[in-house]
């Protein structure tokens, strides 16, 4: 979570709020990543308990979502609640299975889906010159 916090807050104009003890990362008031509360559609397969450690990341479109869901490592998942919505879910313990570059890509992609077009364009242009 420390890496997630650092990477998310490194994005231009990103902010962090705490909602019921869970972090929510926004850009201009729009969530791009958040720790969601327990829901009846996300349960532990072994215990049947509602998952309390789920992060939601916005993605560019449903094609990107399907690509991430097809990852053989099983890190990314979805639930019926998220059908047709461009986002993937990740359990917090599974963040350790992502290398820092992969987590950075996930955060940056999520941020790009919610940032204002002018801000996103400027950020992308700056990166292209690095």
Protein backbone atom coordinates (compact mmCIF):
# COMPACT_ATOMS: atom_id res chain seq x y z
CA UNK A 1 0.00 0.00 0.00
CA UNK A 2 2.94 2.32 0.60
CA UNK A 3 3.99 2.00 -3.05
CA UNK A 4 0.42 2.55 -4.21
CA UNK A 5 0.14 5.67 -2.08
CA UNK A 6 3.43 7.04 -3.38
CA UNK A 7 2.66 6.30 -7.03
CA UNK A 8 -0.91 7.60 -6.93
CA UNK A 9 0.04 10.84 -5.20
CA UNK A 10 2.89 11.39 -7.67
CA UNK A 11 0.34 11.90 -10.42
CA UNK A 12 -0.44 15.55 -11.22
CA UNK A 13 -3.23 17.05 -9.14
CA UNK A 14 -3.98 13.70 -7.49
CA UNK A 15 -5.40 13.77 -3.99
CA UNK A 16 -6.09 11.19 -1.34
CA UNK A 17 -9.12 11.07 0.88
CA UNK A 18 -9.93 8.60 3.61
CA UNK A 19 -13.45 7.20 3.47
CA UNK A 20 -14.38 5.07 6.47
CA UNK A 21 -10.68 4.29 7.00
CA UNK A 22 -10.07 3.37 3.35
CA UNK A 23 -8.03 5.42 0.85
CA UNK A 24 -9.63 6.97 -2.21
CA UNK A 25 -7.37 8.51 -4.87
CA UNK A 26 -8.93 11.27 -6.96
CA UNK A 27 -8.03 13.71 -9.68
CA UNK A 28 -10.33 16.73 -9.83
CA UNK A 29 -12.85 14.93 -7.62
CA UNK A 30 -12.99 11.81 -9.81
CA UNK A 31 -11.89 8.50 -8.32
CA UNK A 32 -9.25 6.60 -10.23
CA UNK A 33 -8.38 4.05 -7.54
CA UNK A 34 -10.03 3.24 -4.24
CA UNK A 35 -10.20 0.68 -1.46
CA UNK A 36 -13.77 -0.45 -1.66
CA UNK A 37 -15.90 -1.53 1.23
CA UNK A 38 -17.04 -5.13 1.72
CA UNK A 39 -19.80 -6.18 -0.65
CA UNK A 40 -21.84 -9.34 -0.90
CA UNK A 41 -20.58 -9.98 -4.45
CA UNK A 42 -16.93 -10.32 -3.38
CA UNK A 43 -16.37 -13.18 -0.97
CA UNK A 44 -13.45 -15.36 0.02
CA UNK A 45 -13.81 -18.67 -1.86
CA UNK A 46 -12.72 -20.70 1.17
CA UNK A 47 -14.51 -18.96 4.03
CA UNK A 48 -17.46 -17.27 2.33
CA UNK A 49 -16.59 -14.06 4.22
CA UNK A 50 -16.92 -10.72 2.44
CA UNK A 51 -13.56 -9.44 1.24
CA UNK A 52 -12.38 -6.33 3.07
CA UNK A 53 -9.13 -5.90 1.14
CA UNK A 54 -10.24 -5.04 -2.40
CA UNK A 55 -8.92 -2.15 -4.47
CA UNK A 56 -10.68 -0.93 -7.60
CA UNK A 57 -8.64 0.55 -10.46
CA UNK A 58 -10.22 2.30 -13.43
CA UNK A 59 -9.01 1.11 -16.85
CA UNK A 60 -9.27 2.69 -20.29
CA UNK A 61 -11.96 0.39 -21.65
CA UNK A 62 -13.47 -3.08 -21.48
CA UNK A 63 -10.77 -4.46 -23.80
CA UNK A 64 -8.06 -3.47 -21.33
CA UNK A 65 -10.14 -4.95 -18.54
CA UNK A 66 -10.41 -8.28 -20.38
CA UNK A 67 -6.67 -8.27 -21.06
CA UNK A 68 -5.88 -7.79 -17.37
CA UNK A 69 -8.45 -10.39 -16.32
CA UNK A 70 -6.78 -12.91 -18.65
CA UNK A 71 -3.47 -12.57 -16.76
CA UNK A 72 -2.60 -16.14 -15.73
CA UNK A 73 -1.40 -15.03 -12.28
CA UNK A 74 -4.99 -14.38 -11.19
CA UNK A 75 -4.17 -11.02 -9.60
CA UNK A 76 -6.94 -9.10 -11.33
CA UNK A 77 -10.58 -10.02 -10.96
CA UNK A 78 -14.07 -8.65 -11.26
CA UNK A 79 -17.50 -9.33 -9.80
CA UNK A 80 -21.00 -9.10 -11.28
CA UNK A 81 -21.31 -5.60 -9.81
CA UNK A 82 -18.51 -4.46 -12.17
CA UNK A 83 -19.84 -6.16 -15.34
CA UNK A 84 -19.71 -3.71 -18.23
CA UNK A 85 -17.69 -1.19 -16.21
CA UNK A 86 -14.08 -0.32 -17.11
CA UNK A 87 -12.37 -1.28 -13.86
CA UNK A 88 -10.51 -4.21 -12.36
CA UNK A 89 -10.27 -5.35 -8.78
CA UNK A 90 -7.12 -6.39 -6.91
CA UNK A 91 -6.81 -7.73 -3.38
CA UNK A 92 -4.36 -5.70 -1.30
CA UNK A 93 -2.11 -8.71 -0.50
CA UNK A 94 -1.78 -9.31 -4.28
CA UNK A 95 -0.14 -5.91 -4.75
CA UNK A 96 3.07 -7.61 -3.58
CA UNK A 97 2.85 -9.88 -6.65
CA UNK A 98 3.11 -6.86 -8.97
CA UNK A 99 6.49 -5.34 -9.60
CA UNK A 100 6.72 -1.59 -9.09
CA UNK A 101 6.67 -0.83 -12.83
CA UNK A 102 3.49 -2.86 -13.30
CA UNK A 103 1.83 -1.11 -10.36
CA UNK A 104 2.97 2.25 -11.77
CA UNK A 105 1.40 1.37 -15.14
CA UNK A 106 -1.86 0.39 -13.44
CA UNK A 107 -1.98 3.64 -11.45
CA UNK A 108 -1.04 5.81 -14.42
CA UNK A 109 -3.66 4.16 -16.63
CA UNK A 110 -6.29 4.63 -13.94
CA UNK A 111 -5.31 8.29 -13.51
CA UNK A 112 -5.44 8.91 -17.28
CA UNK A 113 -9.04 7.66 -17.40
CA UNK A 114 -10.17 10.34 -14.95
CA UNK A 115 -7.82 13.32 -15.45
CA UNK A 116 -8.98 16.33 -17.41
CA UNK A 117 -7.98 16.04 -21.06
CA UNK A 118 -5.66 19.06 -20.98
CA UNK A 119 -3.91 17.74 -17.86
CA UNK A 120 -3.54 14.24 -19.30
CA UNK A 121 -2.27 15.61 -22.61
CA UNK A 122 0.33 17.79 -20.85
CA UNK A 123 1.48 14.89 -18.67
CA UNK A 124 1.81 12.55 -21.66
CA UNK A 125 3.73 15.20 -23.63
CA UNK A 126 6.12 15.72 -20.71
CA UNK A 127 6.77 11.98 -20.47
CA UNK A 128 7.46 11.75 -24.19
CA UNK A 129 10.38 14.17 -23.81
CA UNK A 130 11.99 12.27 -20.91
